[in-house]
Amino acid sequence: MGRGRGRLTGLPGAVLVGERHDGLLHYAGSVDTGWSLNKRTRLAELLQAAAVDACPFVRLPPVAGARWVLPQLVGEVRYTSRTHAGRLRHPSWHRLRPDHAPENLA
């Protein structure tokens, strides 16, 4: 779910996000704006704790250098529209949603 461009600091440069459809996680796009340094630092800590070797998406996203995490965090992302492929257009990070469990989202 996350990939990092800030390798020296360990902070993610962008986060790959997905949506569940029929119980499967589908890639929805990459979010690289919208967070303060504090939010970004906290997110980096959570992503590091959830690191895994295998891609959690149904199909491997076309993103080089991605680092994968368990899809256990729910975030709220704002976007202007969707592309023809269903990807989020101009996504911006809004907030983590600890009040929602990933397995309960459709």
PDB file of N, CA and C in Angstrom:
ATOM      1  N   MET A   1       0.803  -1.173   0.000  1.00  0.00           N
ATOM      2  CA  MET A   1       0.000   0.000   0.000  1.00  0.00           C
ATOM      3  C   MET A   1       0.849   1.241   0.000  1.00  0.00           C
ATOM      4  N   GLY A   2       2.056   1.195   0.458  1.00  0.00           N
ATOM      5  CA  GLY A   2       2.854   2.405   0.492  1.00  0.00           C
ATOM      6  C   GLY A   2       4.148   2.253  -0.268  1.00  0.00           C
ATOM      7  N   ARG A   3       4.611   3.346  -0.770  1.00  0.00           N
ATOM      8  CA  ARG A   3       5.931   3.327  -1.387  1.00  0.00           C
ATOM      9  C   ARG A   3       6.627   4.573  -0.914  1.00  0.00           C
ATOM     10  N   GLY A   4       7.920   4.512  -0.795  1.00  0.00           N
ATOM     11  CA  GLY A   4       8.630   5.660  -0.282  1.00  0.00           C
ATOM     12  C   GLY A   4       9.631   6.223  -1.242  1.00  0.00           C
ATOM     13  N   ARG A   5       9.567   7.510  -1.431  1.00  0.00           N
ATOM     14  CA  ARG A   5      10.609   8.189  -2.189  1.00  0.00           C
ATOM     15  C   ARG A   5      11.621   8.790  -1.231  1.00  0.00           C
ATOM     16  N   GLY A   6      11.202   9.034   0.005  1.00  0.00           N
ATOM     17  CA  GLY A   6      12.087   9.618   1.003  1.00  0.00           C
ATOM     18  C   GLY A   6      12.873   8.540   1.714  1.00  0.00           C
ATOM     19  N   ARG A   7      13.661   7.814   0.993  1.00  0.00           N
ATOM     20  CA  ARG A   7      14.372   6.667   1.563  1.00  0.00           C
ATOM     21  C   ARG A   7      15.353   7.048   2.664  1.00  0.00           C
ATOM     22  N   LEU A   8      15.914   8.226   2.604  1.00  0.00           N
ATOM     23  CA  LEU A   8      16.865   8.619   3.644  1.00  0.00           C
ATOM     24  C   LEU A   8      16.174   8.886   4.966  1.00  0.00           C
ATOM     25  N   THR A   9      14.961   9.387   4.921  1.00  0.00           N
ATOM     26  CA  THR A   9      14.243   9.708   6.138  1.00  0.00           C
ATOM     27  C   THR A   9      13.273   8.623   6.545  1.00  0.00           C
ATOM     28  N   GLY A  10      12.930   7.736   5.624  1.00  0.00           N
ATOM     29  CA  GLY A  10      11.953   6.706   5.914  1.00  0.00           C
ATOM     30  C   GLY A  10      10.518   7.185   5.757  1.00  0.00           C
ATOM     31  N   LEU A  11      10.316   8.427   5.369  1.00  0.00           N
ATOM     32  CA  LEU A  11       8.969   8.946   5.192  1.00  0.00           C
ATOM     33  C   LEU A  11       8.475   8.611   3.793  1.00  0.00           C
ATOM     34  N   PRO A  12       7.203   8.233   3.676  1.00  0.00           N
ATOM     35  CA  PRO A  12       6.690   7.906   2.346  1.00  0.00           C
ATOM     36  C   PRO A  12       6.589   9.153   1.476  1.00  0.00           C
ATOM     37  N   GLY A  13       6.982   9.013   0.224  1.00  0.00           N
ATOM     38  CA  GLY A  13       6.801  10.104  -0.728  1.00  0.00           C
ATOM     39  C   GLY A  13       5.409  10.044  -1.301  1.00  0.00           C
ATOM     40  N   ALA A  14       4.862   8.850  -1.401  1.00  0.00           N
ATOM     41  CA  ALA A  14       3.498   8.647  -1.888  1.00  0.00           C
ATOM     42  C   ALA A  14       2.970   7.359  -1.266  1.00  0.00           C
ATOM     43  N   VAL A  15       1.676   7.261  -1.185  1.00  0.00           N
ATOM     44  CA  VAL A  15       1.036   6.065  -0.647  1.00  0.00           C
ATOM     45  C   VAL A  15       0.096   5.518  -1.710  1.00  0.00           C
ATOM     46  N   LEU A  16       0.245   4.246  -1.999  1.00  0.00           N
ATOM     47  CA  LEU A  16      -0.661   3.581  -2.932  1.00  0.00           C
ATOM     48  C   LEU A  16      -1.916   3.220  -2.150  1.00  0.00           C
ATOM     49  N   VAL A  17      -3.059   3.535  -2.713  1.00  0.00           N
ATOM     50  CA  VAL A  17      -4.317   3.266  -2.019  1.00  0.00           C
ATOM     51  C   VAL A  17      -5.163   2.310  -2.833  1.00  0.00           C
ATOM     52  N   GLY A  18      -6.047   1.621  -2.126  1.00  0.00           N
ATOM     53  CA  GLY A  18      -6.911   0.662  -2.778  1.00  0.00           C
ATOM     54  C   GLY A  18      -8.315   0.703  -2.222  1.00  0.00           C
ATOM     55  N   GLU A  19      -9.200   0.013  -2.918  1.00  0.00           N
ATOM     56  CA  GLU A  19     -10.598  -0.102  -2.517  1.00  0.00           C
ATOM     57  C   GLU A  19     -10.994  -1.573  -2.586  1.00  0.00           C
ATOM     58  N   ARG A  20     -11.836  -1.982  -1.662  1.00  0.00           N
ATOM     59  CA  ARG A  20     -12.323  -3.360  -1.673  1.00  0.00           C
ATOM     60  C   ARG A  20     -13.573  -3.464  -2.533  1.00  0.00           C
ATOM     61  N   HIS A  21     -13.556  -4.472  -3.394  1.00  0.00           N
ATOM     62  CA  HIS A  21     -14.717  -4.834  -4.207  1.00  0.00           C
ATOM     63  C   HIS A  21     -14.822  -6.348  -4.146  1.00  0.00           C
ATOM     64  N   ASP A  22     -15.956  -6.839  -3.725  1.00  0.00           N
ATOM     65  CA  ASP A  22     -16.177  -8.296  -3.620  1.00  0.00           C
ATOM     66  C   ASP A  22     -15.112  -8.959  -2.754  1.00  0.00           C
ATOM     67  N   GLY A  23     -14.672  -8.255  -1.703  1.00  0.00           N
ATOM     68  CA  GLY A  23     -13.698  -8.807  -0.767  1.00  0.00           C
ATOM     69  C   GLY A  23     -12.256  -8.745  -1.218  1.00  0.00           C
ATOM     70  N   LEU A  24     -12.002  -8.211  -2.419  1.00  0.00           N
ATOM     71  CA  LEU A  24     -10.642  -8.133  -2.955  1.00  0.00           C
ATOM     72  C   LEU A  24     -10.180  -6.682  -3.005  1.00  0.00           C
ATOM     73  N   LEU A  25      -8.896  -6.470  -2.786  1.00  0.00           N
ATOM     74  CA  LEU A  25      -8.332  -5.125  -2.777  1.00  0.00           C
ATOM     75  C   LEU A  25      -7.836  -4.738  -4.165  1.00  0.00           C
ATOM     76  N   HIS A  26      -8.387  -3.662  -4.693  1.00  0.00           N
ATOM     77  CA  HIS A  26      -8.035  -3.171  -6.025  1.00  0.00           C
ATOM     78  C   HIS A  26      -7.314  -1.843  -5.911  1.00  0.00           C
ATOM     79  N   TYR A  27      -6.239  -1.689  -6.658  1.00  0.00           N
ATOM     80  CA  TYR A  27      -5.456  -0.461  -6.687  1.00  0.00           C
ATOM     81  C   TYR A  27      -6.318   0.689  -7.209  1.00  0.00           C
ATOM     82  N   ALA A  28      -6.294   1.839  -6.488  1.00  0.00           N
ATOM     83  CA  ALA A  28      -7.106   3.000  -6.877  1.00  0.00           C
ATOM     84  C   ALA A  28      -6.266   4.225  -7.207  1.00  0.00           C
ATOM     85  N   GLY A  29      -4.975   4.170  -6.931  1.00  0.00           N
ATOM     86  CA  GLY A  29      -4.128   5.308  -7.260  1.00  0.00           C
ATOM     87  C   GLY A  29      -3.056   5.566  -6.219  1.00  0.00           C
ATOM     88  N   SER A  30      -2.356   6.660  -6.414  1.00  0.00           N
ATOM     89  CA  SER A  30      -1.232   7.039  -5.563  1.00  0.00           C
ATOM     90  C   SER A  30      -1.483   8.437  -5.013  1.00  0.00           C
ATOM     91  N   VAL A  31      -1.347   8.578  -3.704  1.00  0.00           N
ATOM     92  CA  VAL A  31      -1.569   9.860  -3.033  1.00  0.00           C
ATOM     93  C   VAL A  31      -0.221  10.385  -2.554  1.00  0.00           C
ATOM     94  N   ASP A  32       0.119  11.606  -2.964  1.00  0.00           N
ATOM     95  CA  ASP A  32       1.411  12.158  -2.545  1.00  0.00           C
ATOM     96  C   ASP A  32       1.305  13.591  -2.032  1.00  0.00           C
ATOM     97  N   THR A  33       0.111  13.995  -1.631  1.00  0.00           N
ATOM     98  CA  THR A  33      -0.074  15.345  -1.110  1.00  0.00           C
ATOM     99  C   THR A  33      -1.185  15.339  -0.066  1.00  0.00           C
ATOM    100  N   GLY A  34      -1.198  16.381   0.756  1.00  0.00           N
ATOM    101  CA  GLY A  34      -2.289  16.549   1.698  1.00  0.00           C
ATOM    102  C   GLY A  34      -1.948  16.315   3.156  1.00  0.00           C
ATOM    103  N   TRP A  35      -0.722  15.906   3.453  1.00  0.00           N
ATOM    104  CA  TRP A  35      -0.410  15.650   4.858  1.00  0.00           C
ATOM    105  C   TRP A  35       0.650  16.607   5.378  1.00  0.00           C
ATOM    106  N   SER A  36       0.516  16.906   6.660  1.00  0.00           N
ATOM    107  CA  SER A  36       1.527  17.697   7.357  1.00  0.00           C
ATOM    108  C   SER A  36       2.698  16.779   7.679  1.00  0.00           C
ATOM    109  N   LEU A  37       3.790  17.365   8.123  1.00  0.00           N
ATOM    110  CA  LEU A  37       4.949  16.545   8.497  1.00  0.00           C
ATOM    111  C   LEU A  37       4.587  15.588   9.630  1.00  0.00           C
ATOM    112  N   ASN A  38       3.797  16.051  10.599  1.00  0.00           N
ATOM    113  CA  ASN A  38       3.397  15.177  11.712  1.00  0.00           C
ATOM    114  C   ASN A  38       2.556  14.000  11.225  1.00  0.00           C
ATOM    115  N   LYS A  39       1.576  14.259  10.358  1.00  0.00           N
ATOM    116  CA  LYS A  39       0.741  13.178   9.823  1.00  0.00           C
ATOM    117  C   LYS A  39       1.570  12.213   8.988  1.00  0.00           C
ATOM    118  N   ARG A  40       2.477  12.756   8.222  1.00  0.00           N
ATOM    119  CA  ARG A  40       3.322  11.926   7.362  1.00  0.00           C
ATOM    120  C   ARG A  40       4.253  11.053   8.197  1.00  0.00           C
ATOM    121  N   THR A  41       4.802  11.616   9.272  1.00  0.00           N
ATOM    122  CA  THR A  41       5.675  10.855  10.166  1.00  0.00           C
ATOM    123  C   THR A  41       4.911   9.725  10.834  1.00  0.00           C
ATOM    124  N   ARG A  42       3.702  10.015  11.317  1.00  0.00           N
ATOM    125  CA  ARG A  42       2.875   8.997  11.965  1.00  0.00           C
ATOM    126  C   ARG A  42       2.496   7.899  10.972  1.00  0.00           C
ATOM    127  N   LEU A  43       2.130   8.294   9.770  1.00  0.00           N
ATOM    128  CA  LEU A  43       1.782   7.324   8.746  1.00  0.00           C
ATOM    129  C   LEU A  43       2.975   6.434   8.407  1.00  0.00           C
ATOM    130  N   ALA A  44       4.165   7.018   8.334  1.00  0.00           N
ATOM    131  CA  ALA A  44       5.377   6.242   8.057  1.00  0.00           C
ATOM    132  C   ALA A  44       5.605   5.185   9.134  1.00  0.00           C
ATOM    133  N   GLU A  45       5.375   5.534  10.384  1.00  0.00           N
ATOM    134  CA  GLU A  45       5.524   4.582  11.490  1.00  0.00           C
ATOM    135  C   GLU A  45       4.536   3.426  11.347  1.00  0.00           C
ATOM    136  N   LEU A  46       3.283   3.754  11.043  1.00  0.00           N
ATOM    137  CA  LEU A  46       2.257   2.725  10.884  1.00  0.00           C
ATOM    138  C   LEU A  46       2.540   1.821   9.690  1.00  0.00           C
ATOM    139  N   LEU A  47       2.983   2.403   8.595  1.00  0.00           N
ATOM    140  CA  LEU A  47       3.296   1.613   7.405  1.00  0.00           C
ATOM    141  C   LEU A  47       4.493   0.704   7.643  1.00  0.00           C
ATOM    142  N   GLN A  48       5.492   1.205   8.332  1.00  0.00           N
ATOM    143  CA  GLN A  48       6.673   0.383   8.617  1.00  0.00           C
ATOM    144  C   GLN A  48       6.302  -0.824   9.471  1.00  0.00           C
ATOM    145  N   ALA A  49       5.400  -0.627  10.437  1.00  0.00           N
ATOM    146  CA  ALA A  49       4.977  -1.718  11.315  1.00  0.00           C
ATOM    147  C   ALA A  49       4.165  -2.777  10.560  1.00  0.00           C
ATOM    148  N   ALA A  50       3.560  -2.396   9.434  1.00  0.00           N
ATOM    149  CA  ALA A  50       2.706  -3.312   8.674  1.00  0.00           C
ATOM    150  C   ALA A  50       3.391  -3.870   7.426  1.00  0.00           C
ATOM    151  N   ALA A  51       4.697  -3.699   7.287  1.00  0.00           N
ATOM    152  CA  ALA A  51       5.425  -4.109   6.081  1.00  0.00           C
ATOM    153  C   ALA A  51       5.340  -5.621   5.838  1.00  0.00           C
ATOM    154  N   VAL A  52       5.143  -5.963   4.572  1.00  0.00           N
ATOM    155  CA  VAL A  52       5.132  -7.366   4.123  1.00  0.00           C
ATOM    156  C   VAL A  52       5.862  -7.444   2.787  1.00  0.00           C
ATOM    157  N   ASP A  53       6.136  -8.660   2.346  1.00  0.00           N
ATOM    158  CA  ASP A  53       6.853  -8.853   1.085  1.00  0.00           C
ATOM    159  C   ASP A  53       5.924  -8.932  -0.130  1.00  0.00           C
ATOM    160  N   ALA A  54       4.702  -9.379   0.084  1.00  0.00           N
ATOM    161  CA  ALA A  54       3.799  -9.620  -1.040  1.00  0.00           C
ATOM    162  C   ALA A  54       2.853  -8.442  -1.279  1.00  0.00           C
ATOM    163  N   CYS A  55       2.548  -8.203  -2.524  1.00  0.00           N
ATOM    164  CA  CYS A  55       1.607  -7.160  -2.928  1.00  0.00           C
ATOM    165  C   CYS A  55       0.195  -7.561  -2.481  1.00  0.00           C
ATOM    166  N   PRO A  56      -0.529  -6.683  -1.767  1.00  0.00           N
ATOM    167  CA  PRO A  56      -1.877  -7.027  -1.303  1.00  0.00           C
ATOM    168  C   PRO A  56      -2.977  -6.785  -2.343  1.00  0.00           C
ATOM    169  N   PHE A  57      -2.652  -6.134  -3.463  1.00  0.00           N
ATOM    170  CA  PHE A  57      -3.650  -5.845  -4.485  1.00  0.00           C
ATOM    171  C   PHE A  57      -3.902  -7.055  -5.380  1.00  0.00           C
ATOM    172  N   VAL A  58      -5.080  -7.139  -5.949  1.00  0.00           N
ATOM    173  CA  VAL A  58      -5.439  -8.224  -6.857  1.00  0.00           C
ATOM    174  C   VAL A  58      -4.470  -8.265  -8.029  1.00  0.00           C
ATOM    175  N   ARG A  59      -4.195  -7.096  -8.604  1.00  0.00           N
ATOM    176  CA  ARG A  59      -3.228  -6.975  -9.702  1.00  0.00           C
ATOM    177  C   ARG A  59      -2.087  -6.082  -9.258  1.00  0.00           C
ATOM    178  N   LEU A  60      -0.904  -6.401  -9.669  1.00  0.00           N
ATOM    179  CA  LEU A  60       0.270  -5.610  -9.338  1.00  0.00           C
ATOM    180  C   LEU A  60       0.155  -4.230  -9.981  1.00  0.00           C
ATOM    181  N   PRO A  61       0.169  -3.152  -9.178  1.00  0.00           N
ATOM    182  CA  PRO A  61       0.087  -1.801  -9.752  1.00  0.00           C
ATOM    183  C   PRO A  61       1.321  -1.473 -10.588  1.00  0.00           C
ATOM    184  N   PRO A  62       1.160  -0.620 -11.583  1.00  0.00           N
ATOM    185  CA  PRO A  62       2.289  -0.246 -12.447  1.00  0.00           C
ATOM    186  C   PRO A  62       3.157   0.816 -11.783  1.00  0.00           C
ATOM    187  N   VAL A  63       3.750   0.469 -10.647  1.00  0.00           N
ATOM    188  CA  VAL A  63       4.555   1.405  -9.862  1.00  0.00           C
ATOM    189  C   VAL A  63       5.882   0.739  -9.522  1.00  0.00           C
ATOM    190  N   ALA A  64       6.962   1.336  -9.961  1.00  0.00           N
ATOM    191  CA  ALA A  64       8.289   0.776  -9.677  1.00  0.00           C
ATOM    192  C   ALA A  64       8.715   1.123  -8.255  1.00  0.00           C
ATOM    193  N   GLY A  65       9.386   0.206  -7.598  1.00  0.00           N
ATOM    194  CA  GLY A  65       9.973   0.460  -6.295  1.00  0.00           C
ATOM    195  C   GLY A  65       8.997   0.491  -5.136  1.00  0.00           C
ATOM    196  N   ALA A  66       7.812  -0.065  -5.311  1.00  0.00           N
ATOM    197  CA  ALA A  66       6.816  -0.047  -4.239  1.00  0.00           C
ATOM    198  C   ALA A  66       7.238  -0.952  -3.086  1.00  0.00           C
ATOM    199  N   ARG A  67       6.893  -0.534  -1.895  1.00  0.00           N
ATOM    200  CA  ARG A  67       7.055  -1.364  -0.699  1.00  0.00           C
ATOM    201  C   ARG A  67       5.659  -1.665  -0.194  1.00  0.00           C
ATOM    202  N   TRP A  68       5.392  -2.915   0.127  1.00  0.00           N
ATOM    203  CA  TRP A  68       4.041  -3.366   0.441  1.00  0.00           C
ATOM    204  C   TRP A  68       3.780  -3.418   1.939  1.00  0.00           C
ATOM    205  N   VAL A  69       2.530  -3.230   2.288  1.00  0.00           N
ATOM    206  CA  VAL A  69       2.094  -3.335   3.683  1.00  0.00           C
ATOM    207  C   VAL A  69       0.790  -4.110   3.729  1.00  0.00           C
ATOM    208  N   LEU A  70       0.489  -4.648   4.904  1.00  0.00           N
ATOM    209  CA  LEU A  70      -0.803  -5.291   5.097  1.00  0.00           C
ATOM    210  C   LEU A  70      -1.883  -4.224   4.976  1.00  0.00           C
ATOM    211  N   PRO A  71      -2.971  -4.522   4.311  1.00  0.00           N
ATOM    212  CA  PRO A  71      -4.036  -3.531   4.151  1.00  0.00           C
ATOM    213  C   PRO A  71      -4.900  -3.448   5.409  1.00  0.00           C
ATOM    214  N   GLN A  72      -4.326  -2.899   6.470  1.00  0.00           N
ATOM    215  CA  GLN A  72      -5.034  -2.835   7.745  1.00  0.00           C
ATOM    216  C   GLN A  72      -5.355  -1.408   8.182  1.00  0.00           C
ATOM    217  N   LEU A  73      -4.946  -0.417   7.412  1.00  0.00           N
ATOM    218  CA  LEU A  73      -5.250   0.974   7.730  1.00  0.00           C
ATOM    219  C   LEU A  73      -6.331   1.491   6.787  1.00  0.00           C
ATOM    220  N   VAL A  74      -7.207   2.318   7.320  1.00  0.00           N
ATOM    221  CA  VAL A  74      -8.226   2.957   6.502  1.00  0.00           C
ATOM    222  C   VAL A  74      -7.948   4.450   6.510  1.00  0.00           C
ATOM    223  N   GLY A  75      -7.857   5.016   5.320  1.00  0.00           N
ATOM    224  CA  GLY A  75      -7.623   6.445   5.199  1.00  0.00           C
ATOM    225  C   GLY A  75      -8.717   7.085   4.381  1.00  0.00           C
ATOM    226  N   GLU A  76      -8.891   8.370   4.604  1.00  0.00           N
ATOM    227  CA  GLU A  76      -9.862   9.135   3.830  1.00  0.00           C
ATOM    228  C   GLU A  76      -9.084  10.002   2.847  1.00  0.00           C
ATOM    229  N   VAL A  77      -9.429   9.868   1.575  1.00  0.00           N
ATOM    230  CA  VAL A  77      -8.746  10.570   0.495  1.00  0.00           C
ATOM    231  C   VAL A  77      -9.784  11.375  -0.276  1.00  0.00           C
ATOM    232  N   ARG A  78      -9.438  12.608  -0.589  1.00  0.00           N
ATOM    233  CA  ARG A  78     -10.310  13.436  -1.417  1.00  0.00           C
ATOM    234  C   ARG A  78      -9.748  13.457  -2.836  1.00  0.00           C
ATOM    235  N   TYR A  79     -10.629  13.513  -3.824  1.00  0.00           N
ATOM    236  CA  TYR A  79     -10.193  13.512  -5.218  1.00  0.00           C
ATOM    237  C   TYR A  79     -11.224  14.243  -6.071  1.00  0.00           C
ATOM    238  N   THR A  80     -10.824  14.667  -7.259  1.00  0.00           N
ATOM    239  CA  THR A  80     -11.724  15.455  -8.097  1.00  0.00           C
ATOM    240  C   THR A  80     -12.664  14.590  -8.927  1.00  0.00           C
ATOM    241  N   SER A  81     -12.181  13.471  -9.433  1.00  0.00           N
ATOM    242  CA  SER A  81     -12.981  12.564 -10.252  1.00  0.00           C
ATOM    243  C   SER A  81     -12.211  11.268 -10.396  1.00  0.00           C
ATOM    244  N   ARG A  82     -12.646  10.420 -11.309  1.00  0.00           N
ATOM    245  CA  ARG A  82     -11.946   9.167 -11.586  1.00  0.00           C
ATOM    246  C   ARG A  82     -11.558   9.120 -13.059  1.00  0.00           C
ATOM    247  N   THR A  83     -10.483   8.407 -13.322  1.00  0.00           N
ATOM    248  CA  THR A  83     -10.054   8.193 -14.698  1.00  0.00           C
ATOM    249  C   THR A  83     -10.934   7.102 -15.322  1.00  0.00           C
ATOM    250  N   HIS A  84     -10.778   6.872 -16.632  1.00  0.00           N
ATOM    251  CA  HIS A  84     -11.523   5.809 -17.299  1.00  0.00           C
ATOM    252  C   HIS A  84     -11.178   4.441 -16.721  1.00  0.00           C
ATOM    253  N   ALA A  85      -9.968   4.316 -16.187  1.00  0.00           N
ATOM    254  CA  ALA A  85      -9.540   3.053 -15.589  1.00  0.00           C
ATOM    255  C   ALA A  85     -10.011   2.907 -14.139  1.00  0.00           C
ATOM    256  N   GLY A  86     -10.712   3.925 -13.617  1.00  0.00           N
ATOM    257  CA  GLY A  86     -11.208   3.855 -12.249  1.00  0.00           C
ATOM    258  C   GLY A  86     -10.257   4.394 -11.200  1.00  0.00           C
ATOM    259  N   ARG A  87      -9.120   4.940 -11.624  1.00  0.00           N
ATOM    260  CA  ARG A  87      -8.144   5.498 -10.680  1.00  0.00           C
ATOM    261  C   ARG A  87      -8.620   6.868 -10.187  1.00  0.00           C
ATOM    262  N   LEU A  88      -8.174   7.239  -8.993  1.00  0.00           N
ATOM    263  CA  LEU A  88      -8.507   8.545  -8.431  1.00  0.00           C
ATOM    264  C   LEU A  88      -7.738   9.630  -9.172  1.00  0.00           C
ATOM    265  N   ARG A  89      -8.418  10.695  -9.517  1.00  0.00           N
ATOM    266  CA  ARG A  89      -7.783  11.819 -10.207  1.00  0.00           C
ATOM    267  C   ARG A  89      -7.535  12.927  -9.180  1.00  0.00           C
ATOM    268  N   HIS A  90      -6.298  13.405  -9.110  1.00  0.00           N
ATOM    269  CA  HIS A  90      -5.875  14.464  -8.187  1.00  0.00           C
ATOM    270  C   HIS A  90      -6.203  14.128  -6.724  1.00  0.00           C
ATOM    271  N   PRO A  91      -5.788  12.951  -6.252  1.00  0.00           N
ATOM    272  CA  PRO A  91      -6.096  12.590  -4.867  1.00  0.00           C
ATOM    273  C   PRO A  91      -5.244  13.367  -3.865  1.00  0.00           C
ATOM    274  N   SER A  92      -5.835  13.641  -2.731  1.00  0.00           N
ATOM    275  CA  SER A  92      -5.158  14.343  -1.640  1.00  0.00           C
ATOM    276  C   SER A  92      -5.534  13.651  -0.334  1.00  0.00           C
ATOM    277  N   TRP A  93      -4.540  13.375   0.474  1.00  0.00           N
ATOM    278  CA  TRP A  93      -4.753  12.712   1.756  1.00  0.00           C
ATOM    279  C   TRP A  93      -5.545  13.629   2.673  1.00  0.00           C
ATOM    280  N   HIS A  94      -6.544  13.067   3.354  1.00  0.00           N
ATOM    281  CA  HIS A  94      -7.326  13.847   4.313  1.00  0.00           C
ATOM    282  C   HIS A  94      -7.015  13.407   5.740  1.00  0.00           C
ATOM    283  N   ARG A  95      -7.215  12.109   6.033  1.00  0.00           N
ATOM    284  CA  ARG A  95      -6.954  11.639   7.397  1.00  0.00           C
ATOM    285  C   ARG A  95      -7.037  10.120   7.494  1.00  0.00           C
ATOM    286  N   LEU A  96      -6.448   9.602   8.549  1.00  0.00           N
ATOM    287  CA  LEU A  96      -6.625   8.196   8.896  1.00  0.00           C
ATOM    288  C   LEU A  96      -8.000   8.043   9.518  1.00  0.00           C
ATOM    289  N   ARG A  97      -8.596   6.879   9.365  1.00  0.00           N
ATOM    290  CA  ARG A  97      -9.911   6.604   9.935  1.00  0.00           C
ATOM    291  C   ARG A  97      -9.822   5.371  10.829  1.00  0.00           C
ATOM    292  N   PRO A  98      -9.281   5.531  12.056  1.00  0.00           N
ATOM    293  CA  PRO A  98      -9.181   4.380  12.959  1.00  0.00           C
ATOM    294  C   PRO A  98     -10.544   3.863  13.418  1.00  0.00           C
ATOM    295  N   ASP A  99     -11.607   4.629  13.151  1.00  0.00           N
ATOM    296  CA  ASP A  99     -12.953   4.205  13.521  1.00  0.00           C
ATOM    297  C   ASP A  99     -13.558   3.234  12.507  1.00  0.00           C
ATOM    298  N   HIS A 100     -12.846   2.950  11.421  1.00  0.00           N
ATOM    299  CA  HIS A 100     -13.305   1.999  10.411  1.00  0.00           C
ATOM    300  C   HIS A 100     -12.311   0.848  10.297  1.00  0.00           C
ATOM    301  N   ALA A 101     -12.842  -0.347  10.162  1.00  0.00           N
ATOM    302  CA  ALA A 101     -12.007  -1.535   9.955  1.00  0.00           C
ATOM    303  C   ALA A 101     -12.005  -1.877   8.470  1.00  0.00           C
ATOM    304  N   PRO A 102     -10.840  -2.183   7.886  1.00  0.00           N
ATOM    305  CA  PRO A 102     -10.763  -2.462   6.450  1.00  0.00           C
ATOM    306  C   PRO A 102     -11.693  -3.579   5.993  1.00  0.00           C
ATOM    307  N   GLU A 103     -11.867  -4.587   6.810  1.00  0.00           N
ATOM    308  CA  GLU A 103     -12.688  -5.717   6.387  1.00  0.00           C
ATOM    309  C   GLU A 103     -14.185  -5.380   6.357  1.00  0.00           C
ATOM    310  N   ASN A 104     -14.582  -4.266   6.968  1.00  0.00           N
ATOM    311  CA  ASN A 104     -15.987  -3.866   6.960  1.00  0.00           C
ATOM    312  C   ASN A 104     -16.345  -2.940   5.816  1.00  0.00           C
ATOM    313  N   LEU A 105     -15.354  -2.546   5.018  1.00  0.00           N
ATOM    314  CA  LEU A 105     -15.607  -1.633   3.904  1.00  0.00           C
ATOM    315  C   LEU A 105     -15.916  -2.427   2.652  1.00  0.00           C
ATOM    316  N   ALA A 106     -16.900  -1.983   1.926  1.00  0.00           N
ATOM    317  CA  ALA A 106     -17.271  -2.688   0.687  1.00  0.00           C
ATOM    318  C   ALA A 106     -16.402  -2.266  -0.447  1.00  0.00           C
TER     319      ALA A 106
END
